[in-house]
PDB file of N, CA and C in Angstrom:
ATOM      1  N   MET A   1      77.411  71.051  92.566  1.00  0.00           N
ATOM      2  CA  MET A   1      77.604  71.928  91.269  1.00  0.00           C
ATOM      3  C   MET A   1      78.597  73.068  91.615  1.00  0.00           C
ATOM      4  N   ARG A   2      79.645  73.281  90.694  1.00  0.00           N
ATOM      5  CA  ARG A   2      80.648  74.151  90.893  1.00  0.00           C
ATOM      6  C   ARG A   2      79.943  75.569  90.301  1.00  0.00           C
ATOM      7  N   HIS A   3      80.431  76.717  90.601  1.00  0.00           N
ATOM      8  CA  HIS A   3      80.173  77.979  90.022  1.00  0.00           C
ATOM      9  C   HIS A   3      80.976  77.897  88.818  1.00  0.00           C
ATOM     10  N   PRO A   4      80.145  78.650  87.703  1.00  0.00           N
ATOM     11  CA  PRO A   4      81.138  78.403  86.336  1.00  0.00           C
ATOM     12  C   PRO A   4      82.196  79.561  86.367  1.00  0.00           C
ATOM     13  N   PHE A   5      82.278  80.596  87.189  1.00  0.00           N
ATOM     14  CA  PHE A   5      83.359  81.391  87.379  1.00  0.00           C
ATOM     15  C   PHE A   5      84.198  81.232  88.455  1.00  0.00           C
ATOM     16  N   GLU A   6      84.357  80.055  89.129  1.00  0.00           N
ATOM     17  CA  GLU A   6      84.861  79.670  90.520  1.00  0.00           C
ATOM     18  C   GLU A   6      86.327  80.097  90.284  1.00  0.00           C
ATOM     19  N   LYS A   7      87.040  79.668  89.243  1.00  0.00           N
ATOM     20  CA  LYS A   7      88.590  80.044  89.096  1.00  0.00           C
ATOM     21  C   LYS A   7      88.675  81.479  89.156  1.00  0.00           C
ATOM     22  N   LEU A   8      88.048  82.219  88.441  1.00  0.00           N
ATOM     23  CA  LEU A   8      88.288  83.611  88.367  1.00  0.00           C
ATOM     24  C   LEU A   8      87.942  84.299  89.757  1.00  0.00           C
ATOM     25  N   ILE A   9      87.091  83.874  90.342  1.00  0.00           N
ATOM     26  CA  ILE A   9      86.697  84.345  91.596  1.00  0.00           C
ATOM     27  C   ILE A   9      87.831  84.020  92.671  1.00  0.00           C
ATOM     28  N   GLN A  10      88.296  82.807  92.514  1.00  0.00           N
ATOM     29  CA  GLN A  10      89.699  82.419  93.306  1.00  0.00           C
ATOM     30  C   GLN A  10      90.669  83.411  93.083  1.00  0.00           C
ATOM     31  N   ILE A  11      90.961  83.546  91.835  1.00  0.00           N
ATOM     32  CA  ILE A  11      92.127  84.361  91.438  1.00  0.00           C
ATOM     33  C   ILE A  11      91.976  85.900  92.082  1.00  0.00           C
ATOM     34  N   GLN A  12      90.604  86.326  91.901  1.00  0.00           N
ATOM     35  CA  GLN A  12      90.397  87.807  92.406  1.00  0.00           C
ATOM     36  C   GLN A  12      90.630  87.667  93.874  1.00  0.00           C
ATOM     37  N   LEU A  13      90.258  86.860  94.409  1.00  0.00           N
ATOM     38  CA  LEU A  13      90.437  86.819  96.126  1.00  0.00           C
ATOM     39  C   LEU A  13      91.795  86.576  96.486  1.00  0.00           C
ATOM     40  N   ILE A  14      92.547  85.991  95.595  1.00  0.00           N
ATOM     41  CA  ILE A  14      94.057  85.705  95.926  1.00  0.00           C
ATOM     42  C   ILE A  14      94.795  86.943  95.664  1.00  0.00           C
ATOM     43  N   LEU A  15      94.308  87.928  94.522  1.00  0.00           N
ATOM     44  CA  LEU A  15      94.849  89.167  94.301  1.00  0.00           C
ATOM     45  C   LEU A  15      94.567  90.188  95.372  1.00  0.00           C
ATOM     46  N   LEU A  16      93.393  89.926  95.878  1.00  0.00           N
ATOM     47  CA  LEU A  16      92.990  90.880  97.121  1.00  0.00           C
ATOM     48  C   LEU A  16      94.133  90.473  98.289  1.00  0.00           C
ATOM     49  N   LEU A  17      94.159  89.345  98.528  1.00  0.00           N
ATOM     50  CA  LEU A  17      95.129  89.084  99.804  1.00  0.00           C
ATOM     51  C   LEU A  17      96.440  89.461  99.534  1.00  0.00           C
ATOM     52  N   ILE A  18      96.913  89.322  98.246  1.00  0.00           N
ATOM     53  CA  ILE A  18      98.350  89.744  97.801  1.00  0.00           C
ATOM     54  C   ILE A  18      98.420  91.325  98.181  1.00  0.00           C
ATOM     55  N   SER A  19      97.273  91.793  97.750  1.00  0.00           N
ATOM     56  CA  SER A  19      97.229  93.338  97.913  1.00  0.00           C
ATOM     57  C   SER A  19      97.409  93.728  99.301  1.00  0.00           C
ATOM     58  N   ILE A  20      96.555  93.040 100.213  1.00  0.00           N
ATOM     59  CA  ILE A  20      96.832  93.289 101.513  1.00  0.00           C
ATOM     60  C   ILE A  20      98.092  92.873 102.183  1.00  0.00           C
ATOM     61  N   PHE A  21      98.681  91.758 101.744  1.00  0.00           N
ATOM     62  CA  PHE A  21     100.067  91.529 102.147  1.00  0.00           C
ATOM     63  C   PHE A  21     101.117  92.625 101.574  1.00  0.00           C
ATOM     64  N   ALA A  22     101.045  93.024 100.446  1.00  0.00           N
ATOM     65  CA  ALA A  22     101.798  93.959  99.951  1.00  0.00           C
ATOM     66  C   ALA A  22     101.658  95.273 100.668  1.00  0.00           C
ATOM     67  N   GLY A  23     100.556  95.607 100.997  1.00  0.00           N
ATOM     68  CA  GLY A  23     100.153  96.812 101.794  1.00  0.00           C
ATOM     69  C   GLY A  23     100.906  96.639 103.216  1.00  0.00           C
ATOM     70  N   ILE A  24     100.844  95.667 103.889  1.00  0.00           N
ATOM     71  CA  ILE A  24     101.507  95.561 105.029  1.00  0.00           C
ATOM     72  C   ILE A  24     103.031  95.613 104.775  1.00  0.00           C
ATOM     73  N   LEU A  25     103.560  95.119 103.957  1.00  0.00           N
ATOM     74  CA  LEU A  25     104.886  95.122 103.606  1.00  0.00           C
ATOM     75  C   LEU A  25     105.522  96.598 103.439  1.00  0.00           C
ATOM     76  N   THR A  26     104.593  97.492 102.647  1.00  0.00           N
ATOM     77  CA  THR A  26     104.848  98.861 102.402  1.00  0.00           C
ATOM     78  C   THR A  26     104.904  99.697 103.754  1.00  0.00           C
ATOM     79  N   ILE A  27     103.942  99.253 104.759  1.00  0.00           N
ATOM     80  CA  ILE A  27     104.071 100.016 105.973  1.00  0.00           C
ATOM     81  C   ILE A  27     105.218  99.582 106.810  1.00  0.00           C
ATOM     82  N   TRP A  28     105.484  98.265 106.623  1.00  0.00           N
ATOM     83  CA  TRP A  28     106.532  97.767 107.638  1.00  0.00           C
ATOM     84  C   TRP A  28     107.972  98.334 106.941  1.00  0.00           C
ATOM     85  N   THR A  29     108.224  98.148 105.636  1.00  0.00           N
ATOM     86  CA  THR A  29     109.493  98.308 105.150  1.00  0.00           C
ATOM     87  C   THR A  29     109.620  99.741 104.419  1.00  0.00           C
ATOM     88  N   ALA A  30     108.669 100.426 104.389  1.00  0.00           N
ATOM     89  CA  ALA A  30     108.703 101.885 103.692  1.00  0.00           C
ATOM     90  C   ALA A  30     109.150 101.801 102.143  1.00  0.00           C
ATOM     91  N   ILE A  31     109.163 100.565 101.457  1.00  0.00           N
ATOM     92  CA  ILE A  31     109.550 100.666 100.152  1.00  0.00           C
ATOM     93  C   ILE A  31     108.353 100.728  99.188  1.00  0.00           C
ATOM     94  N   LEU A  32     108.449 101.777  98.421  1.00  0.00           N
ATOM     95  CA  LEU A  32     107.241 102.256  97.437  1.00  0.00           C
ATOM     96  C   LEU A  32     106.901 101.290  96.466  1.00  0.00           C
ATOM     97  N   PHE A  33     107.771 100.335  95.906  1.00  0.00           N
ATOM     98  CA  PHE A  33     107.478  99.276  95.077  1.00  0.00           C
ATOM     99  C   PHE A  33     106.334  98.455  95.541  1.00  0.00           C
ATOM    100  N   PHE A  34     106.458  98.291  97.074  1.00  0.00           N
ATOM    101  CA  PHE A  34     105.298  97.139  97.406  1.00  0.00           C
ATOM    102  C   PHE A  34     103.837  97.919  97.380  1.00  0.00           C
ATOM    103  N   SER A  35     103.769  99.303  97.551  1.00  0.00           N
ATOM    104  CA  SER A  35     102.521  99.919  97.469  1.00  0.00           C
ATOM    105  C   SER A  35     102.082  99.935  95.993  1.00  0.00           C
ATOM    106  N   PHE A  36     102.978 100.064  94.939  1.00  0.00           N
ATOM    107  CA  PHE A  36     102.710  99.946  93.510  1.00  0.00           C
ATOM    108  C   PHE A  36     102.101  98.863  93.292  1.00  0.00           C
ATOM    109  N   PHE A  37     102.740  97.706  93.768  1.00  0.00           N
ATOM    110  CA  PHE A  37     102.277  96.343  93.486  1.00  0.00           C
ATOM    111  C   PHE A  37     100.964  95.873  94.080  1.00  0.00           C
ATOM    112  N   ALA A  38     100.697  96.521  95.331  1.00  0.00           N
ATOM    113  CA  ALA A  38      99.389  96.245  95.885  1.00  0.00           C
ATOM    114  C   ALA A  38      98.189  97.025  95.128  1.00  0.00           C
ATOM    115  N   CYS A  39      98.522  98.273  94.609  1.00  0.00           N
ATOM    116  CA  CYS A  39      97.440  98.974  93.735  1.00  0.00           C
ATOM    117  C   CYS A  39      97.449  98.152  92.369  1.00  0.00           C
ATOM    118  N   ILE A  40      98.350  97.636  91.934  1.00  0.00           N
ATOM    119  CA  ILE A  40      98.245  96.875  90.632  1.00  0.00           C
ATOM    120  C   ILE A  40      97.445  95.570  90.829  1.00  0.00           C
ATOM    121  N   ALA A  41      97.733  94.922  92.040  1.00  0.00           N
ATOM    122  CA  ALA A  41      96.886  93.798  92.316  1.00  0.00           C
ATOM    123  C   ALA A  41      95.315  94.228  92.538  1.00  0.00           C
ATOM    124  N   VAL A  42      95.069  95.232  93.071  1.00  0.00           N
ATOM    125  CA  VAL A  42      93.455  95.740  93.329  1.00  0.00           C
ATOM    126  C   VAL A  42      93.125  95.963  91.870  1.00  0.00           C
ATOM    127  N   VAL A  43      93.795  96.694  91.028  1.00  0.00           N
ATOM    128  CA  VAL A  43      93.301  97.029  89.657  1.00  0.00           C
ATOM    129  C   VAL A  43      93.087  95.772  88.743  1.00  0.00           C
ATOM    130  N   THR A  44      93.934  94.729  89.112  1.00  0.00           N
ATOM    131  CA  THR A  44      93.951  93.470  88.330  1.00  0.00           C
ATOM    132  C   THR A  44      92.630  92.819  88.735  1.00  0.00           C
ATOM    133  N   SER A  45      92.297  92.967  90.034  1.00  0.00           N
ATOM    134  CA  SER A  45      91.000  92.500  90.626  1.00  0.00           C
ATOM    135  C   SER A  45      89.778  92.990  90.094  1.00  0.00           C
ATOM    136  N   PHE A  46      89.711  94.396  89.668  1.00  0.00           N
ATOM    137  CA  PHE A  46      88.810  95.168  89.104  1.00  0.00           C
ATOM    138  C   PHE A  46      88.700  94.443  87.669  1.00  0.00           C
ATOM    139  N   PHE A  47      89.735  94.319  86.826  1.00  0.00           N
ATOM    140  CA  PHE A  47      89.523  93.746  85.674  1.00  0.00           C
ATOM    141  C   PHE A  47      88.881  92.440  85.632  1.00  0.00           C
ATOM    142  N   ILE A  48      89.231  91.575  86.657  1.00  0.00           N
ATOM    143  CA  ILE A  48      88.785  90.247  86.750  1.00  0.00           C
ATOM    144  C   ILE A  48      87.173  90.226  87.083  1.00  0.00           C
ATOM    145  N   GLU A  49      86.859  91.250  87.931  1.00  0.00           N
ATOM    146  CA  GLU A  49      85.475  91.408  88.214  1.00  0.00           C
ATOM    147  C   GLU A  49      84.663  91.903  87.068  1.00  0.00           C
ATOM    148  N   GLY A  50      85.170  92.930  86.166  1.00  0.00           N
ATOM    149  CA  GLY A  50      84.643  93.355  84.945  1.00  0.00           C
ATOM    150  C   GLY A  50      84.432  92.152  84.002  1.00  0.00           C
ATOM    151  N   TYR A  51      85.372  91.426  83.910  1.00  0.00           N
ATOM    152  CA  TYR A  51      85.385  90.199  82.784  1.00  0.00           C
ATOM    153  C   TYR A  51      84.278  89.138  83.473  1.00  0.00           C
ATOM    154  N   ILE A  52      84.308  88.996  84.670  1.00  0.00           N
ATOM    155  CA  ILE A  52      83.213  88.157  85.065  1.00  0.00           C
ATOM    156  C   ILE A  52      81.717  88.679  84.781  1.00  0.00           C
ATOM    157  N   GLU A  53      81.520  89.877  85.067  1.00  0.00           N
ATOM    158  CA  GLU A  53      80.291  90.660  84.765  1.00  0.00           C
ATOM    159  C   GLU A  53      79.995  90.639  83.212  1.00  0.00           C
ATOM    160  N   LEU A  54      81.025  90.638  82.532  1.00  0.00           N
ATOM    161  CA  LEU A  54      80.621  90.766  81.023  1.00  0.00           C
ATOM    162  C   LEU A  54      80.171  89.277  80.449  1.00  0.00           C
ATOM    163  N   GLN A  55      80.987  88.282  81.208  1.00  0.00           N
ATOM    164  CA  GLN A  55      80.446  86.904  80.800  1.00  0.00           C
ATOM    165  C   GLN A  55      79.156  86.579  81.310  1.00  0.00           C
ATOM    166  N   LYS A  56      78.724  87.297  82.460  1.00  0.00           N
ATOM    167  CA  LYS A  56      77.198  87.143  82.949  1.00  0.00           C
ATOM    168  C   LYS A  56      76.450  87.744  81.946  1.00  0.00           C
ATOM    169  N   GLY A  57      76.850  88.595  81.235  1.00  0.00           N
ATOM    170  CA  GLY A  57      75.744  89.463  80.471  1.00  0.00           C
ATOM    171  C   GLY A  57      75.497  91.049  80.801  1.00  0.00           C
ATOM    172  N   ASP A  58      75.965  91.378  82.128  1.00  0.00           N
ATOM    173  CA  ASP A  58      75.748  92.743  82.486  1.00  0.00           C
ATOM    174  C   ASP A  58      76.917  93.651  82.093  1.00  0.00           C
ATOM    175  N   VAL A  59      76.451  94.189  80.900  1.00  0.00           N
ATOM    176  CA  VAL A  59      77.483  95.042  80.273  1.00  0.00           C
ATOM    177  C   VAL A  59      77.893  96.416  81.032  1.00  0.00           C
ATOM    178  N   ALA A  60      76.831  96.862  81.562  1.00  0.00           N
ATOM    179  CA  ALA A  60      76.789  98.186  82.257  1.00  0.00           C
ATOM    180  C   ALA A  60      77.724  98.055  83.630  1.00  0.00           C
ATOM    181  N   GLN A  61      77.407  97.026  84.269  1.00  0.00           N
ATOM    182  CA  GLN A  61      78.442  96.898  85.471  1.00  0.00           C
ATOM    183  C   GLN A  61      79.911  96.382  85.103  1.00  0.00           C
ATOM    184  N   ALA A  62      79.999  95.653  83.930  1.00  0.00           N
ATOM    185  CA  ALA A  62      81.249  95.371  83.402  1.00  0.00           C
ATOM    186  C   ALA A  62      81.943  96.719  82.840  1.00  0.00           C
ATOM    187  N   GLY A  63      81.320  97.449  82.206  1.00  0.00           N
ATOM    188  CA  GLY A  63      81.866  98.727  81.794  1.00  0.00           C
ATOM    189  C   GLY A  63      82.396  99.557  83.029  1.00  0.00           C
ATOM    190  N   HIS A  64      81.496  99.569  84.135  1.00  0.00           N
ATOM    191  CA  HIS A  64      81.865 100.412  85.187  1.00  0.00           C
ATOM    192  C   HIS A  64      83.114  99.969  85.885  1.00  0.00           C
ATOM    193  N   GLN A  65      83.411  98.420  85.885  1.00  0.00           N
ATOM    194  CA  GLN A  65      84.559  97.902  86.583  1.00  0.00           C
ATOM    195  C   GLN A  65      85.619  98.306  85.741  1.00  0.00           C
ATOM    196  N   LEU A  66      85.527  97.988  84.388  1.00  0.00           N
ATOM    197  CA  LEU A  66      86.717  98.033  83.538  1.00  0.00           C
ATOM    198  C   LEU A  66      87.149  99.664  83.352  1.00  0.00           C
ATOM    199  N   ILE A  67      86.309 100.441  83.389  1.00  0.00           N
ATOM    200  CA  ILE A  67      86.542 102.033  83.365  1.00  0.00           C
ATOM    201  C   ILE A  67      87.145 102.428  84.708  1.00  0.00           C
ATOM    202  N   ARG A  68      86.856 102.027  85.765  1.00  0.00           N
ATOM    203  CA  ARG A  68      87.368 102.268  87.111  1.00  0.00           C
ATOM    204  C   ARG A  68      88.771 101.531  87.130  1.00  0.00           C
ATOM    205  N   ALA A  69      89.050 100.382  86.627  1.00  0.00           N
ATOM    206  CA  ALA A  69      90.490  99.852  86.588  1.00  0.00           C
ATOM    207  C   ALA A  69      91.326 100.563  85.561  1.00  0.00           C
ATOM    208  N   ILE A  70      90.821 101.086  84.511  1.00  0.00           N
ATOM    209  CA  ILE A  70      91.632 101.881  83.636  1.00  0.00           C
ATOM    210  C   ILE A  70      92.072 103.231  84.101  1.00  0.00           C
ATOM    211  N   ILE A  71      91.277 103.833  84.871  1.00  0.00           N
ATOM    212  CA  ILE A  71      91.343 105.140  85.426  1.00  0.00           C
ATOM    213  C   ILE A  71      92.405 105.015  86.474  1.00  0.00           C
ATOM    214  N   LEU A  72      92.210 103.872  87.362  1.00  0.00           N
ATOM    215  CA  LEU A  72      93.157 103.779  88.578  1.00  0.00           C
ATOM    216  C   LEU A  72      94.453 103.299  87.916  1.00  0.00           C
ATOM    217  N   ILE A  73      94.772 102.655  86.979  1.00  0.00           N
ATOM    218  CA  ILE A  73      96.060 102.267  86.529  1.00  0.00           C
ATOM    219  C   ILE A  73      96.657 103.406  86.018  1.00  0.00           C
ATOM    220  N   ILE A  74      96.123 104.253  85.380  1.00  0.00           N
ATOM    221  CA  ILE A  74      96.667 105.391  84.835  1.00  0.00           C
ATOM    222  C   ILE A  74      97.078 106.363  85.999  1.00  0.00           C
ATOM    223  N   PHE A  75      96.251 106.635  86.891  1.00  0.00           N
ATOM    224  CA  PHE A  75      96.787 107.597  88.058  1.00  0.00           C
ATOM    225  C   PHE A  75      97.734 106.905  88.891  1.00  0.00           C
ATOM    226  N   ILE A  76      97.545 105.581  89.067  1.00  0.00           N
ATOM    227  CA  ILE A  76      98.630 104.979  89.961  1.00  0.00           C
ATOM    228  C   ILE A  76     100.075 104.942  89.081  1.00  0.00           C
ATOM    229  N   SER A  77     100.121 104.597  88.000  1.00  0.00           N
ATOM    230  CA  SER A  77     101.247 104.970  87.202  1.00  0.00           C
ATOM    231  C   SER A  77     101.872 106.247  87.095  1.00  0.00           C
ATOM    232  N   PHE A  78     100.985 107.257  87.001  1.00  0.00           N
ATOM    233  CA  PHE A  78     101.568 108.625  87.022  1.00  0.00           C
ATOM    234  C   PHE A  78     102.109 108.838  88.238  1.00  0.00           C
ATOM    235  N   LEU A  79     101.690 108.492  89.329  1.00  0.00           N
ATOM    236  CA  LEU A  79     101.940 108.883  90.751  1.00  0.00           C
ATOM    237  C   LEU A  79     103.171 108.256  90.978  1.00  0.00           C
ATOM    238  N   TYR A  80     103.409 106.913  90.574  1.00  0.00           N
ATOM    239  CA  TYR A  80     104.490 106.097  90.708  1.00  0.00           C
ATOM    240  C   TYR A  80     105.827 106.599  89.940  1.00  0.00           C
ATOM    241  N   PHE A  81     105.541 106.903  88.616  1.00  0.00           N
ATOM    242  CA  PHE A  81     106.646 107.276  87.778  1.00  0.00           C
ATOM    243  C   PHE A  81     107.094 108.798  87.853  1.00  0.00           C
ATOM    244  N   THR A  82     106.466 109.536  88.569  1.00  0.00           N
ATOM    245  CA  THR A  82     106.808 111.032  88.669  1.00  0.00           C
ATOM    246  C   THR A  82     107.253 111.137  89.982  1.00  0.00           C
TER     247      THR A  82
END
């Protein structure tokens, strides 16, 4: 029997792997865009985690994940664009 959120969990894992790859590219090439992309991938992973928790019915944990993702996207965007 398959897990009901298997596709979302796979997307979350892929985003984390993309984030690691983008982080390595940032260190190797010193291009700031790759670090921004890595951070956005992690934030998207947080959003997916929050959505999974919301679908499970754990509203408090979903709220924590979504608030964490929103705060990170605000600060990361501020740092990148200034």
